[in-house]
């Protein structure tokens, strides 16, 4: 049996295999962020398909902050009942499920001008050009508390853990970044200060959920531009997170829509790979930590994933777009069918009707008839 189908652990959570469904914004929740029948069906099919761990699409931790349409919410207790239904549904297939929680910040063009968007400093996001409001210390405390309360709701709803989204130029990532964080107080300047926001979120969350509830943190390996967060800094952040008790690191990168031009280039001494964009960064970090490291991005070839699993300390492998195309892909691989996946990495899966594969026509029909 392939090592990919062996059990592994995140904290006290045992996973039946090493495949993770990476957090995916489905754009199919209600306007206020609650579950829909279509979302329940999507998650049940993933669980039926033998994914070891499902990470949900991101959920906003405060009601007034919504970076995308159709995203899930977890900003008050009204969500707990609907999520209990979701976790019970997934658990009946032996799959674990983790809730991703986030504050998107200025990495958005959705309803800009209609709401206050927080940022560490008055620096526009490089891609969206959206500029947020530099946060006061009171506002920082407000968001830290919101993350902690969201973490507690996830536990109450039966999730097996949470993933704090600290990557992809969202708010936590911006606090970590010397480009976006120009603050002159204890939340800016040195890396230790820039880490403070994330550390407070983790520490306050841990107080509410206890030591046995797994908390994962998703980080950007590098910001891949001069003046941004470097891989050397990310390595330090990872080691610090392990020291304070984080249960796993998910290493990603913000190269949405740019992968074709960036693959093969070297950043911070490491090359972005065509199969597993950030695998070299994950290999380094996994050598330095004892907690599990998950790599995500550009994975869809079983043999390549297996080779990486046997040649590195990376313990888990997260897929998104391939599972939009084939929710039961892991089950197919487990049965020995390694034929080509219809996913073309075209990123055209973001549509007004929701995020789904338009290449696999059978998948579209299954969702919408």
Protein backbone atom coordinates (compact mmCIF):
# COMPACT_ATOMS: atom_id res chain seq x y z
CA UNK A 1 0.00 0.00 0.00
CA UNK A 2 1.22 3.49 -0.80
CA UNK A 3 2.42 5.61 2.10
CA UNK A 4 -0.22 8.11 0.99
CA UNK A 5 -2.95 5.80 2.30
CA UNK A 6 -1.37 5.27 5.70
CA UNK A 7 -2.76 6.93 8.81
CA UNK A 8 -1.25 10.17 10.11
CA UNK A 9 -2.01 12.61 12.91
CA UNK A 10 -2.50 16.31 13.56
CA UNK A 11 -2.41 16.76 17.31
CA UNK A 12 -4.88 14.24 18.72
CA UNK A 13 -6.73 13.97 15.37
CA UNK A 14 -6.08 10.76 13.42
CA UNK A 15 -6.50 10.91 9.64
CA UNK A 16 -7.12 7.79 7.57
CA UNK A 17 -4.79 8.97 4.80
CA UNK A 18 -2.52 11.87 3.86
CA UNK A 19 -4.82 13.61 1.39
CA UNK A 20 -6.36 16.94 2.31
CA UNK A 21 -9.03 18.86 0.49
CA UNK A 22 -7.57 22.34 0.64
CA UNK A 23 -9.86 25.18 1.73
CA UNK A 24 -11.93 26.21 -1.28
CA UNK A 25 -14.29 29.17 -1.51
CA UNK A 26 -17.36 27.62 -3.12
CA UNK A 27 -19.46 30.81 -3.46
CA UNK A 28 -22.57 28.80 -2.61
CA UNK A 29 -23.51 29.87 0.93
CA UNK A 30 -26.52 32.04 1.67
CA UNK A 31 -26.16 35.82 1.61
CA UNK A 32 -25.44 35.84 5.35
CA UNK A 33 -23.05 32.90 5.14
CA UNK A 34 -25.15 29.90 6.19
CA UNK A 35 -25.02 26.43 4.65
CA UNK A 36 -27.16 25.44 1.63
CA UNK A 37 -28.30 22.06 0.36
CA UNK A 38 -25.76 22.29 -2.46
CA UNK A 39 -22.93 22.83 0.01
CA UNK A 40 -24.01 19.86 2.11
CA UNK A 41 -24.02 17.73 -1.05
CA UNK A 42 -20.53 18.92 -2.03
CA UNK A 43 -19.03 18.06 1.35
CA UNK A 44 -20.79 14.71 1.57
CA UNK A 45 -19.43 13.72 -1.84
CA UNK A 46 -15.90 14.68 -0.78
CA UNK A 47 -16.24 12.54 2.35
CA UNK A 48 -17.62 9.65 0.30
CA UNK A 49 -14.57 10.05 -1.94
CA UNK A 50 -12.18 9.05 0.87
CA UNK A 51 -10.48 12.41 1.47
CA UNK A 52 -8.66 12.07 4.80
CA UNK A 53 -9.21 15.67 5.89
CA UNK A 54 -11.53 18.34 4.51
CA UNK A 55 -10.71 21.98 5.17
CA UNK A 56 -13.81 24.06 4.54
CA UNK A 57 -14.01 27.23 2.54
CA UNK A 58 -13.04 30.25 4.59
CA UNK A 59 -15.55 31.77 7.00
CA UNK A 60 -15.63 35.40 8.05
CA UNK A 61 -15.17 35.97 11.78
CA UNK A 62 -17.08 39.28 11.91
CA UNK A 63 -20.34 39.95 10.11
CA UNK A 64 -19.30 43.27 8.58
CA UNK A 65 -16.22 41.80 6.89
CA UNK A 66 -17.05 39.82 3.76
CA UNK A 67 -14.31 39.66 1.12
CA UNK A 68 -16.31 37.51 -1.32
CA UNK A 69 -19.90 36.73 -2.20
CA UNK A 70 -21.34 33.38 -1.17
CA UNK A 71 -18.71 32.69 1.47
CA UNK A 72 -19.44 30.93 4.74
CA UNK A 73 -19.71 32.74 8.04
CA UNK A 74 -18.95 31.90 11.65
CA UNK A 75 -19.39 35.32 13.24
CA UNK A 76 -22.18 34.40 15.69
CA UNK A 77 -23.76 31.38 17.35
CA UNK A 78 -26.50 31.04 14.72
CA UNK A 79 -24.05 29.03 12.60
CA UNK A 80 -23.45 26.27 15.12
CA UNK A 81 -26.55 24.20 14.36
CA UNK A 82 -26.00 24.17 10.59
CA UNK A 83 -22.38 23.23 11.02
CA UNK A 84 -23.28 20.41 13.40
CA UNK A 85 -25.29 18.94 10.55
CA UNK A 86 -22.23 19.30 8.29
CA UNK A 87 -19.75 17.71 10.69
CA UNK A 88 -22.10 14.81 11.43
CA UNK A 89 -22.52 14.26 7.70
CA UNK A 90 -18.78 14.14 7.05
CA UNK A 91 -17.92 12.04 10.10
CA UNK A 92 -20.18 9.18 9.07
CA UNK A 93 -17.67 8.39 6.29
CA UNK A 94 -14.63 8.39 8.56
CA UNK A 95 -13.36 11.72 7.22
CA UNK A 96 -12.21 14.57 9.46
CA UNK A 97 -13.21 18.19 8.85
CA UNK A 98 -11.53 21.43 9.89
CA UNK A 99 -13.06 24.91 9.70
CA UNK A 100 -10.99 27.62 8.04
CA UNK A 101 -11.48 31.03 9.66
CA UNK A 102 -10.30 34.30 8.17
CA UNK A 103 -10.39 38.05 7.95
CA UNK A 104 -9.88 38.84 4.29
CA UNK A 105 -9.01 42.51 4.52
CA UNK A 106 -7.96 44.41 1.42
CA UNK A 107 -7.42 41.33 -0.76
CA UNK A 108 -10.87 42.02 -2.20
CA UNK A 109 -12.87 44.04 -4.70
CA UNK A 110 -16.23 42.99 -3.24
CA UNK A 111 -18.46 45.82 -1.99
CA UNK A 112 -15.45 48.09 -1.54
CA UNK A 113 -16.61 51.53 -0.41
CA UNK A 114 -19.69 50.09 1.28
CA UNK A 115 -17.91 48.85 4.39
CA UNK A 116 -14.91 49.50 6.60
CA UNK A 117 -12.01 47.21 5.74
CA UNK A 118 -9.21 46.86 8.27
CA UNK A 119 -5.51 46.78 7.41
CA UNK A 120 -2.32 47.07 9.47
CA UNK A 121 -1.34 50.29 7.65
CA UNK A 122 -2.54 52.63 4.90
CA UNK A 123 -0.99 50.56 2.11
CA UNK A 124 -3.11 49.44 -0.88
CA UNK A 125 -3.13 45.72 -1.71
CA UNK A 126 -0.84 45.22 -4.71
CA UNK A 127 -3.33 43.25 -6.79
CA UNK A 128 -6.71 44.74 -5.94
CA UNK A 129 -5.46 48.27 -5.12
CA UNK A 130 -7.97 48.29 -2.28
CA UNK A 131 -6.82 50.41 0.64
CA UNK A 132 -8.03 49.70 4.14
CA UNK A 133 -8.22 51.54 7.44
CA UNK A 134 -5.12 51.31 9.60
CA UNK A 135 -6.30 49.55 12.75
CA UNK A 136 -6.29 51.04 16.20
CA UNK A 137 -5.23 48.83 19.11
CA UNK A 138 -8.88 48.56 20.13
CA UNK A 139 -9.75 47.29 16.66
CA UNK A 140 -6.89 44.80 16.79
CA UNK A 141 -8.27 43.47 20.08
CA UNK A 142 -11.76 43.28 18.53
CA UNK A 143 -10.53 41.08 15.66
CA UNK A 144 -8.35 38.93 17.93
CA UNK A 145 -11.42 38.24 20.08
CA UNK A 146 -13.53 37.53 16.99
CA UNK A 147 -11.07 34.88 15.81
CA UNK A 148 -11.04 33.25 19.24
CA UNK A 149 -14.84 33.18 19.42
CA UNK A 150 -15.03 31.72 15.91
CA UNK A 151 -12.61 28.99 16.98
CA UNK A 152 -14.83 28.16 19.96
CA UNK A 153 -17.92 28.00 17.72
CA UNK A 154 -16.10 25.60 15.40
CA UNK A 155 -15.39 23.32 18.34
CA UNK A 156 -18.98 23.55 19.55
CA UNK A 157 -20.20 22.63 16.06
CA UNK A 158 -18.22 19.39 16.03
CA UNK A 159 -15.34 20.38 13.75
CA UNK A 160 -12.15 18.41 14.35
CA UNK A 161 -10.05 21.56 14.37
CA UNK A 162 -9.64 25.00 12.83
CA UNK A 163 -7.29 26.45 10.24
CA UNK A 164 -6.35 30.08 10.87
CA UNK A 165 -5.78 31.70 7.46
CA UNK A 166 -2.54 33.65 7.67
CA UNK A 167 -1.67 33.53 3.97
CA UNK A 168 -2.64 35.00 0.57
CA UNK A 169 -2.34 38.68 1.57
CA UNK A 170 -5.30 38.45 3.93
CA UNK A 171 -5.16 40.51 7.11
CA UNK A 172 -2.91 38.24 9.18
CA UNK A 173 -0.49 37.89 6.26
CA UNK A 174 -0.40 41.69 5.92
CA UNK A 175 0.55 42.08 9.59
CA UNK A 176 3.41 39.62 9.00
CA UNK A 177 4.58 41.46 5.86
CA UNK A 178 7.10 44.32 6.09
CA UNK A 179 5.59 45.71 2.88
CA UNK A 180 2.05 46.02 4.19
CA UNK A 181 2.85 46.55 7.86
CA UNK A 182 4.40 50.01 8.35
CA UNK A 183 3.24 50.41 11.95
CA UNK A 184 5.42 52.15 14.53
CA UNK A 185 3.89 50.48 17.60
CA UNK A 186 4.35 47.00 19.13
CA UNK A 187 2.54 45.43 16.16
CA UNK A 188 5.03 46.67 13.55
CA UNK A 189 8.73 46.91 12.80
CA UNK A 190 10.63 43.81 13.87
CA UNK A 191 9.46 40.35 12.86
CA UNK A 192 8.64 39.64 16.51
CA UNK A 193 6.31 42.63 16.52
CA UNK A 194 4.77 41.76 13.16
CA UNK A 195 4.03 38.27 14.52
CA UNK A 196 2.23 39.66 17.55
CA UNK A 197 -1.24 39.85 15.92
CA UNK A 198 -1.12 36.20 14.83
CA UNK A 199 0.29 35.07 18.17
CA UNK A 200 -2.48 36.85 20.08
CA UNK A 201 -5.11 35.26 17.84
CA UNK A 202 -3.63 31.83 18.51
CA UNK A 203 -3.23 32.36 22.24
CA UNK A 204 -6.76 33.72 22.76
CA UNK A 205 -8.19 30.90 20.65
CA UNK A 206 -6.30 28.29 22.62
CA UNK A 207 -7.70 29.68 25.87
CA UNK A 208 -11.24 29.05 24.63
CA UNK A 209 -10.79 25.59 23.09
CA UNK A 210 -8.18 23.95 25.30
CA UNK A 211 -5.00 22.13 24.37
CA UNK A 212 -6.55 19.09 22.69
CA UNK A 213 -8.42 20.89 19.90
CA UNK A 214 -6.16 21.02 16.82
CA UNK A 215 -5.29 24.47 15.50
CA UNK A 216 -3.60 24.68 12.10
CA UNK A 217 -2.10 27.84 10.61
CA UNK A 218 -1.90 28.52 6.89
CA UNK A 219 1.07 30.66 5.86
CA UNK A 220 2.54 32.12 2.70
CA UNK A 221 5.95 30.59 2.04
CA UNK A 222 7.14 33.89 0.59
CA UNK A 223 5.50 36.96 -0.87
CA UNK A 224 7.73 36.56 -3.94
CA UNK A 225 8.46 40.26 -4.37
CA UNK A 226 11.14 42.64 -3.09
CA UNK A 227 10.21 44.16 0.22
CA UNK A 228 7.67 41.48 1.08
CA UNK A 229 7.70 38.65 3.59
CA UNK A 230 10.65 36.35 2.84
CA UNK A 231 10.95 32.61 3.21
CA UNK A 232 13.62 33.08 5.87
CA UNK A 233 11.10 35.03 7.94
CA UNK A 234 8.41 32.42 7.32
CA UNK A 235 10.76 29.73 8.63
CA UNK A 236 11.16 31.70 11.85
CA UNK A 237 7.38 32.15 12.12
CA UNK A 238 6.87 28.41 11.67
CA UNK A 239 9.34 27.56 14.41
CA UNK A 240 7.70 30.07 16.76
CA UNK A 241 4.24 28.66 16.04
CA UNK A 242 5.46 25.18 16.89
CA UNK A 243 6.94 26.47 20.15
CA UNK A 244 3.63 28.00 21.28
CA UNK A 245 1.64 24.86 20.45
CA UNK A 246 0.20 25.11 16.94
CA UNK A 247 -0.60 21.59 15.69
CA UNK A 248 0.29 21.87 11.98
CA UNK A 249 1.55 24.31 9.35
CA UNK A 250 -0.06 24.58 5.91
CA UNK A 251 2.45 26.16 3.53
CA UNK A 252 1.01 27.98 0.53
CA UNK A 253 1.64 31.08 -1.59
CA UNK A 254 -0.23 33.93 -3.20
CA UNK A 255 0.31 33.19 -6.91
CA UNK A 256 -3.33 32.94 -8.01
CA UNK A 257 -3.52 33.59 -11.74
CA UNK A 258 0.27 33.92 -12.00
CA UNK A 259 1.44 30.34 -11.66
CA UNK A 260 2.06 29.83 -15.38
CA UNK A 261 4.55 32.70 -15.48
CA UNK A 262 6.15 32.06 -12.07
CA UNK A 263 6.70 28.29 -12.22
CA UNK A 264 10.37 27.54 -12.83
CA UNK A 265 11.55 30.80 -11.29
CA UNK A 266 13.66 30.92 -8.16
CA UNK A 267 12.56 33.01 -5.17
CA UNK A 268 14.45 33.22 -1.88
CA UNK A 269 16.77 30.47 -3.07
CA UNK A 270 14.07 27.97 -4.02
CA UNK A 271 12.25 27.18 -7.25
CA UNK A 272 8.48 27.12 -7.78
CA UNK A 273 7.69 23.67 -9.16
CA UNK A 274 5.12 22.72 -11.80
CA UNK A 275 3.89 19.80 -9.68
CA UNK A 276 3.59 21.13 -6.16
CA UNK A 277 4.37 24.82 -6.50
CA UNK A 278 5.74 25.26 -2.97
CA UNK A 279 7.18 21.80 -2.38
CA UNK A 280 10.78 23.00 -1.99
CA UNK A 281 9.72 25.41 0.76
CA UNK A 282 7.71 22.65 2.42
CA UNK A 283 10.66 20.28 2.29
CA UNK A 284 12.84 22.80 4.17
CA UNK A 285 10.24 23.63 6.82
CA UNK A 286 9.35 19.97 7.36
CA UNK A 287 13.00 19.28 8.22
CA UNK A 288 12.94 21.98 10.89
CA UNK A 289 9.67 21.13 12.65
CA UNK A 290 8.30 18.12 14.48
CA UNK A 291 4.67 19.10 13.88
CA UNK A 292 3.13 18.11 10.52
CA UNK A 293 3.68 20.26 7.44
CA UNK A 294 1.05 20.28 4.69
CA UNK A 295 1.93 21.39 1.17
CA UNK A 296 -0.74 22.78 -1.14
CA UNK A 297 -0.77 24.13 -4.67
CA UNK A 298 -0.33 22.53 -8.08
CA UNK A 299 -0.69 18.90 -7.03
CA UNK A 300 -2.59 16.48 -9.24
CA UNK A 301 -0.23 13.64 -10.23
CA UNK A 302 -0.36 10.65 -7.89
CA UNK A 303 3.13 9.37 -8.67
CA UNK A 304 4.68 12.79 -8.10
CA UNK A 305 2.87 13.16 -4.78
CA UNK A 306 3.98 9.69 -3.71
CA UNK A 307 7.58 10.46 -4.62
CA UNK A 308 7.43 13.63 -2.54
CA UNK A 309 5.91 11.74 0.38
CA UNK A 310 8.71 9.16 0.39
CA UNK A 311 11.58 11.61 -0.18
CA UNK A 312 10.66 14.37 2.28
CA UNK A 313 9.22 14.95 5.74
CA UNK A 314 6.08 16.59 4.34
CA UNK A 315 3.25 14.59 5.86
CA UNK A 316 0.11 15.73 4.04
CA UNK A 317 -0.81 16.86 0.55
CA UNK A 318 -3.68 19.26 -0.13
CA UNK A 319 -5.61 19.54 -3.39
CA UNK A 320 -8.29 22.01 -4.44
CA UNK A 321 -8.99 22.31 -8.17
CA UNK A 322 -8.56 18.57 -8.91
CA UNK A 323 -11.25 17.85 -6.30
CA UNK A 324 -13.53 20.47 -7.84
CA UNK A 325 -13.28 18.40 -10.99
CA UNK A 326 -13.40 14.97 -9.32
CA UNK A 327 -14.63 14.94 -5.70
CA UNK A 328 -14.02 11.17 -5.54
CA UNK A 329 -10.50 11.36 -6.97
CA UNK A 330 -8.85 9.95 -3.82
CA UNK A 331 -11.17 6.95 -3.86
CA UNK A 332 -10.27 6.35 -7.51
CA UNK A 333 -6.58 6.48 -6.71
CA UNK A 334 -7.08 4.14 -3.76
CA UNK A 335 -8.72 1.66 -6.15
CA UNK A 336 -5.65 1.78 -8.43
CA UNK A 337 -7.04 4.01 -11.20
CA UNK A 338 -4.40 6.64 -11.95
CA UNK A 339 -5.76 7.83 -15.28
CA UNK A 340 -5.55 11.52 -16.14
CA UNK A 341 -7.65 14.06 -14.25
CA UNK A 342 -9.82 16.38 -16.32
CA UNK A 343 -8.62 19.39 -14.31
CA UNK A 344 -6.56 21.71 -16.54
CA UNK A 345 -5.57 24.19 -13.79
CA UNK A 346 -7.34 26.82 -15.88
CA UNK A 347 -8.88 28.55 -12.84
CA UNK A 348 -12.08 29.11 -14.79
CA UNK A 349 -13.88 27.30 -11.98
CA UNK A 350 -14.87 30.66 -10.51
CA UNK A 351 -18.29 31.42 -11.98
CA UNK A 352 -21.30 33.52 -11.00
CA UNK A 353 -23.20 30.32 -10.19
CA UNK A 354 -20.52 29.15 -7.81
CA UNK A 355 -17.03 27.71 -8.02
CA UNK A 356 -17.04 24.41 -9.87
CA UNK A 357 -15.16 22.71 -12.69
CA UNK A 358 -16.36 23.80 -16.14
CA UNK A 359 -13.99 21.40 -17.93
CA UNK A 360 -15.61 18.29 -16.45
CA UNK A 361 -19.09 18.55 -17.94
CA UNK A 362 -20.38 15.63 -15.88
CA UNK A 363 -19.45 17.52 -12.71
CA UNK A 364 -21.42 20.59 -13.78
CA UNK A 365 -24.42 18.45 -14.61
CA UNK A 366 -24.24 16.72 -11.23
CA UNK A 367 -24.38 20.07 -9.45
CA UNK A 368 -26.88 21.95 -11.56
CA UNK A 369 -28.58 19.39 -13.79
